[in-house]
Amino acid sequence: MNATHTDRDEEPGMETPPASTEPVDSSADATDPATGFAITLRPLGFADPLRWLAAGWRDFLRAPGIGLFYGLCFMAMGWGLLKVYQNAPAYTLALSAGFLLMGPFMCLGLYQVSMRLERGEKPDLGDSLTAWDTRMGQLAIFGAVLLILEMIWGRASLVVFAVSFDGMPDFSGSLTKLLEPENIGFIVTYLCVGAVFAGLIYSISVVSIPMLLDRPVDAITAGLTSMRLVLTQTGVMLFWGFLITLLVVLALLPWFAGLLVVGPVLGHASWHAYRAAVAD
């Protein structure tokens, strides 16, 4: 999403300072975490998330083949999640939430497609699959942070299961057994623990991955900028997170078939969310 910028008019009587001829260290912003507090964030409104979805839909229509490829990958992950529930139900909720919240990292190729379209270039599947190549180091660092958080979340899930049921229960793959009235205490505790981890992961990742792809910043700067966005514009970003969750849950219902389209559309929309929220 292209943004319109307006330069400040010069005040009368003020002279423009001469341009510096000293070389500029272009790596400074990429290595100083303090820049995470200096990057300008644009004000957002509650209508903006709907605009991001519309822009994501347009990008999907402009490159449908690439989008459907990633949609098939999302479907395959959904089927894998179903197998996990059938064999290890205690991990399912944490993994499913991680599936939703690690989407920005997994949609890296879709961000690349949207970036190419925004620049008037023709997107390519091979190019999208290797989008990580130019920023591999910083993306790996950020991915490791998300992985550690997911591992801690998974361990916390096991503890809640063990304490609530005096050991690991056997639901035999039946969700209805888990939702019986006598398990209400477990459900409330589990959701509270999950909300803490979900909020943390969402806060540091909502615009971090497209930001790492788009500009030479480090993982810490990207994470701090993403967290600032959530903390300063909490209402809009919660609404955006709600829309993402709602659409993904609806896409899961018909045997994950909805992910074929919803997955890539949300990936493209997340790129537009970043472009709208973080100033150039």
Protein backbone atom coordinates (compact mmCIF):
# COMPACT_ATOMS: atom_id res chain seq x y z
CA MET A 1 0.00 0.00 0.00
CA ASN A 2 1.61 3.20 -1.13
CA ALA A 3 1.62 6.05 1.34
CA THR A 4 1.48 9.77 0.52
CA HIS A 5 4.03 11.93 2.30
CA THR A 6 3.90 15.74 2.67
CA ASP A 7 7.09 17.67 3.41
CA ARG A 8 6.91 20.56 5.85
CA ASP A 9 7.00 23.97 4.25
CA GLU A 10 10.09 26.00 5.08
CA GLU A 11 9.47 28.93 7.37
CA PRO A 12 10.25 32.42 5.97
CA GLY A 13 13.79 33.57 6.55
CA MET A 14 15.18 30.13 7.26
CA GLU A 15 17.92 28.81 5.05
CA THR A 16 18.25 25.19 4.08
CA PRO A 17 21.47 23.76 5.53
CA PRO A 18 23.93 22.42 2.98
CA ALA A 19 23.89 18.70 2.33
CA SER A 20 26.57 16.80 4.19
CA THR A 21 29.40 15.44 2.09
CA GLU A 22 30.52 12.94 4.73
CA PRO A 23 29.82 9.27 4.03
CA VAL A 24 26.77 7.88 5.76
CA ASP A 25 26.92 4.54 7.54
CA SER A 26 23.88 2.78 6.10
CA SER A 27 24.27 -0.07 8.57
CA ALA A 28 23.62 2.11 11.62
CA ASP A 29 19.87 1.64 11.58
CA ALA A 30 20.33 -2.10 11.14
CA THR A 31 22.49 -2.56 14.20
CA ASP A 32 21.17 -0.13 16.80
CA PRO A 33 18.14 -1.52 18.68
CA ALA A 34 17.31 2.02 19.80
CA THR A 35 16.04 2.72 16.30
CA GLY A 36 13.09 0.52 17.18
CA PHE A 37 11.82 3.50 19.19
CA ALA A 38 12.68 6.06 16.49
CA ILE A 39 10.84 4.58 13.51
CA THR A 40 7.68 6.56 12.84
CA LEU A 41 4.33 4.79 13.13
CA ARG A 42 1.31 6.13 11.29
CA PRO A 43 -2.07 6.57 13.01
CA LEU A 44 -4.57 3.89 12.08
CA GLY A 45 -8.37 3.69 12.12
CA PHE A 46 -10.73 0.78 12.60
CA ALA A 47 -11.57 0.79 8.90
CA ASP A 48 -7.94 0.17 7.95
CA PRO A 49 -7.95 -3.61 8.61
CA LEU A 50 -10.82 -3.96 6.14
CA ARG A 51 -8.80 -2.03 3.57
CA TRP A 52 -5.86 -4.37 4.15
CA LEU A 53 -8.08 -7.36 3.47
CA ALA A 54 -9.37 -5.76 0.27
CA ALA A 55 -5.81 -5.04 -0.87
CA GLY A 56 -4.82 -8.62 -0.01
CA TRP A 57 -7.67 -9.95 -2.12
CA ARG A 58 -6.54 -7.81 -5.06
CA ASP A 59 -2.98 -9.12 -4.78
CA PHE A 60 -4.28 -12.69 -4.68
CA LEU A 61 -6.23 -12.12 -7.89
CA ARG A 62 -3.15 -10.62 -9.57
CA ALA A 63 -1.01 -13.67 -8.76
CA PRO A 64 -3.50 -16.52 -8.17
CA GLY A 65 -1.15 -19.36 -9.04
CA ILE A 66 1.40 -18.38 -6.40
CA GLY A 67 -1.35 -17.77 -3.86
CA LEU A 68 -2.92 -21.18 -4.43
CA PHE A 69 0.46 -22.86 -3.99
CA TYR A 70 0.82 -21.32 -0.53
CA GLY A 71 -2.84 -22.07 0.17
CA LEU A 72 -2.14 -25.77 -0.45
CA CYS A 73 0.75 -25.56 2.01
CA PHE A 74 -1.59 -24.10 4.64
CA MET A 75 -4.10 -26.89 4.01
CA ALA A 76 -1.39 -29.51 4.48
CA MET A 77 -0.43 -27.91 7.78
CA GLY A 78 -4.06 -28.03 8.88
CA TRP A 79 -4.24 -31.74 8.17
CA GLY A 80 -1.01 -32.21 10.11
CA LEU A 81 -2.52 -30.32 13.03
CA LEU A 82 -5.49 -32.68 12.96
CA LYS A 83 -3.17 -35.68 13.22
CA VAL A 84 -1.45 -34.05 16.20
CA TYR A 85 -4.80 -33.71 17.97
CA GLN A 86 -5.63 -37.34 17.34
CA ASN A 87 -2.34 -38.49 18.82
CA ALA A 88 -1.33 -35.79 21.32
CA PRO A 89 -4.31 -33.54 22.19
CA ALA A 90 -2.43 -31.67 24.91
CA TYR A 91 -0.27 -29.97 22.29
CA THR A 92 -3.08 -29.08 19.93
CA LEU A 93 -4.25 -25.73 21.27
CA ALA A 94 -0.74 -24.33 21.60
CA LEU A 95 0.24 -25.57 18.15
CA SER A 96 -2.94 -24.24 16.56
CA ALA A 97 -2.39 -20.83 18.14
CA GLY A 98 1.20 -20.94 17.01
CA PHE A 99 -0.04 -21.76 13.53
CA LEU A 100 -2.09 -18.56 13.59
CA LEU A 101 0.51 -16.32 15.18
CA MET A 102 3.57 -17.54 13.27
CA GLY A 103 1.73 -16.88 10.02
CA PRO A 104 3.72 -13.69 9.29
CA PHE A 105 6.94 -15.74 9.21
CA MET A 106 5.43 -18.50 7.09
CA CYS A 107 3.92 -15.96 4.66
CA LEU A 108 7.30 -14.52 3.75
CA GLY A 109 6.89 -15.55 0.11
CA LEU A 110 3.51 -13.82 -0.06
CA TYR A 111 5.04 -10.63 1.32
CA GLN A 112 7.61 -10.84 -1.45
CA VAL A 113 4.84 -11.14 -4.06
CA SER A 114 3.00 -8.10 -2.67
CA MET A 115 6.22 -6.12 -2.58
CA ARG A 116 6.90 -6.96 -6.24
CA LEU A 117 3.38 -5.98 -7.24
CA GLU A 118 3.66 -2.73 -5.31
CA ARG A 119 6.82 -1.87 -7.25
CA GLY A 120 5.21 -2.70 -10.58
CA GLU A 121 7.30 -5.85 -11.02
CA LYS A 122 6.12 -9.28 -12.07
CA PRO A 123 6.07 -11.77 -9.15
CA ASP A 124 7.58 -15.21 -9.54
CA LEU A 125 7.09 -18.39 -7.48
CA GLY A 126 10.79 -19.16 -7.38
CA ASP A 127 11.55 -15.63 -6.22
CA SER A 128 8.94 -15.89 -3.47
CA LEU A 129 10.35 -19.22 -2.25
CA THR A 130 13.79 -17.67 -1.82
CA ALA A 131 12.59 -14.40 -0.29
CA TRP A 132 14.39 -15.27 2.94
CA ASP A 133 17.77 -15.44 1.20
CA THR A 134 18.73 -11.76 1.44
CA ARG A 135 17.88 -11.46 5.18
CA MET A 136 18.56 -15.00 6.30
CA GLY A 137 20.55 -14.07 9.41
CA GLN A 138 18.01 -11.69 10.94
CA LEU A 139 15.06 -13.87 9.94
CA ALA A 140 16.74 -16.85 11.58
CA ILE A 141 17.20 -14.88 14.80
CA PHE A 142 13.58 -13.81 14.83
CA GLY A 143 12.41 -17.33 13.97
CA ALA A 144 14.45 -18.71 16.86
CA VAL A 145 12.76 -16.28 19.26
CA LEU A 146 9.32 -17.41 18.07
CA LEU A 147 10.34 -21.05 18.34
CA ILE A 148 11.52 -20.60 21.93
CA LEU A 149 8.26 -18.88 22.86
CA GLU A 150 6.28 -21.69 21.24
CA MET A 151 8.29 -24.32 23.14
CA ILE A 152 7.65 -22.53 26.44
CA TRP A 153 3.97 -22.26 25.55
CA GLY A 154 3.82 -25.96 24.77
CA ARG A 155 5.46 -26.81 28.10
CA ALA A 156 3.04 -24.55 29.96
CA SER A 157 0.18 -26.33 28.18
CA LEU A 158 1.40 -29.69 29.42
CA VAL A 159 1.66 -28.37 32.98
CA VAL A 160 -1.92 -27.07 32.88
CA PHE A 161 -3.14 -30.42 31.55
CA ALA A 162 -1.21 -32.38 34.18
CA VAL A 163 -2.38 -30.22 37.10
CA SER A 164 -6.01 -30.07 35.95
CA PHE A 165 -6.41 -33.78 35.30
CA ASP A 166 -3.84 -35.32 37.68
CA GLY A 167 -1.90 -36.56 34.67
CA MET A 168 -2.43 -36.54 30.93
CA PRO A 169 -6.03 -37.43 30.01
CA ASP A 170 -6.97 -39.58 27.05
CA PHE A 171 -9.62 -37.88 24.95
CA SER A 172 -9.24 -40.36 22.09
CA GLY A 173 -9.28 -37.46 19.65
CA SER A 174 -12.70 -36.27 20.83
CA LEU A 175 -13.02 -32.53 21.35
CA THR A 176 -16.43 -32.92 23.02
CA LYS A 177 -14.83 -34.77 25.93
CA LEU A 178 -12.50 -31.85 26.50
CA LEU A 179 -15.41 -29.38 26.55
CA GLU A 180 -17.54 -31.18 29.17
CA PRO A 181 -18.84 -28.91 32.01
CA GLU A 182 -16.59 -30.44 34.67
CA ASN A 183 -13.58 -29.21 32.71
CA ILE A 184 -14.55 -25.54 32.89
CA GLY A 185 -11.76 -24.73 35.36
CA PHE A 186 -9.19 -26.26 33.04
CA ILE A 187 -10.57 -24.39 30.02
CA VAL A 188 -10.43 -21.00 31.80
CA THR A 189 -6.89 -21.59 33.07
CA TYR A 190 -5.70 -22.84 29.72
CA LEU A 191 -7.15 -19.86 27.88
CA CYS A 192 -5.62 -17.39 30.34
CA VAL A 193 -2.17 -18.94 29.98
CA GLY A 194 -2.60 -19.04 26.22
CA ALA A 195 -3.70 -15.41 26.10
CA VAL A 196 -0.42 -14.30 27.70
CA PHE A 197 1.72 -16.14 25.16
CA ALA A 198 -0.59 -15.28 22.26
CA GLY A 199 -0.49 -11.59 23.09
CA LEU A 200 3.30 -11.61 23.36
CA ILE A 201 3.87 -13.45 20.09
CA TYR A 202 1.32 -11.36 18.23
CA SER A 203 2.80 -8.13 19.58
CA ILE A 204 6.35 -8.82 18.44
CA SER A 205 5.47 -10.42 15.11
CA VAL A 206 2.49 -8.59 13.62
CA VAL A 207 4.63 -6.41 11.31
CA SER A 208 8.14 -7.70 12.05
CA ILE A 209 8.67 -10.17 9.21
CA PRO A 210 7.53 -7.89 6.36
CA MET A 211 9.61 -5.14 7.94
CA LEU A 212 12.72 -7.35 7.93
CA LEU A 213 12.06 -8.19 4.28
CA ASP A 214 11.49 -4.57 3.25
CA ARG A 215 14.27 -2.65 5.00
CA PRO A 216 17.75 -3.20 6.51
CA VAL A 217 16.80 -3.40 10.18
CA ASP A 218 17.78 -6.03 12.70
CA ALA A 219 15.43 -8.48 14.39
CA ILE A 220 15.40 -6.54 17.67
CA THR A 221 14.44 -3.29 15.94
CA ALA A 222 11.67 -5.03 14.00
CA GLY A 223 10.30 -6.69 17.15
CA LEU A 224 10.38 -3.45 19.14
CA THR A 225 8.63 -1.55 16.35
CA SER A 226 5.92 -4.21 16.15
CA MET A 227 5.41 -4.12 19.90
CA ARG A 228 5.21 -0.31 19.87
CA LEU A 229 2.53 -0.51 17.21
CA VAL A 230 0.40 -2.86 19.31
CA LEU A 231 0.91 -0.89 22.53
CA THR A 232 0.20 2.52 20.99
CA GLN A 233 -2.70 1.50 18.72
CA THR A 234 -4.06 -1.39 20.72
CA GLY A 235 -7.69 -1.16 19.62
CA VAL A 236 -7.01 -1.32 15.90
CA MET A 237 -4.40 -4.06 16.23
CA LEU A 238 -6.69 -6.15 18.43
CA PHE A 239 -9.38 -5.76 15.79
CA TRP A 240 -6.89 -6.89 13.15
CA GLY A 241 -5.93 -9.91 15.24
CA PHE A 242 -9.61 -10.73 15.75
CA LEU A 243 -10.26 -10.61 11.99
CA ILE A 244 -7.28 -12.88 11.30
CA THR A 245 -8.41 -15.40 13.91
CA LEU A 246 -12.04 -15.32 12.78
CA LEU A 247 -11.21 -15.85 9.11
CA VAL A 248 -8.78 -18.68 9.84
CA VAL A 249 -11.23 -20.45 12.14
CA LEU A 250 -13.95 -20.22 9.49
CA ALA A 251 -11.50 -21.51 6.89
CA LEU A 252 -10.75 -24.56 9.06
CA LEU A 253 -14.34 -25.79 9.13
CA PRO A 254 -14.69 -27.44 5.69
CA TRP A 255 -11.69 -29.77 6.15
CA PHE A 256 -9.28 -26.81 5.98
CA ALA A 257 -10.34 -26.14 2.38
CA GLY A 258 -10.93 -22.46 3.12
CA LEU A 259 -7.22 -22.01 3.80
CA LEU A 260 -6.63 -22.43 0.08
CA VAL A 261 -7.81 -18.83 -0.38
CA VAL A 262 -7.95 -17.32 3.12
CA GLY A 263 -4.30 -18.14 3.85
CA PRO A 264 -2.74 -16.27 0.93
CA VAL A 265 -5.22 -13.37 1.18
CA LEU A 266 -4.26 -12.84 4.83
CA GLY A 267 -0.59 -13.08 3.89
CA HIS A 268 -0.93 -10.34 1.30
CA ALA A 269 -3.10 -8.28 3.67
CA SER A 270 -0.43 -8.48 6.38
CA TRP A 271 2.04 -6.88 4.00
CA HIS A 272 -0.38 -4.00 3.45
CA ALA A 273 -0.89 -3.71 7.22
CA TYR A 274 2.85 -3.21 7.62
CA ARG A 275 3.04 -0.68 4.78
CA ALA A 276 0.14 1.29 6.24
CA ALA A 277 1.40 1.28 9.82
CA VAL A 278 5.16 1.83 9.49
CA ALA A 279 6.34 5.02 7.79
CA ASP A 280 9.07 4.97 5.15
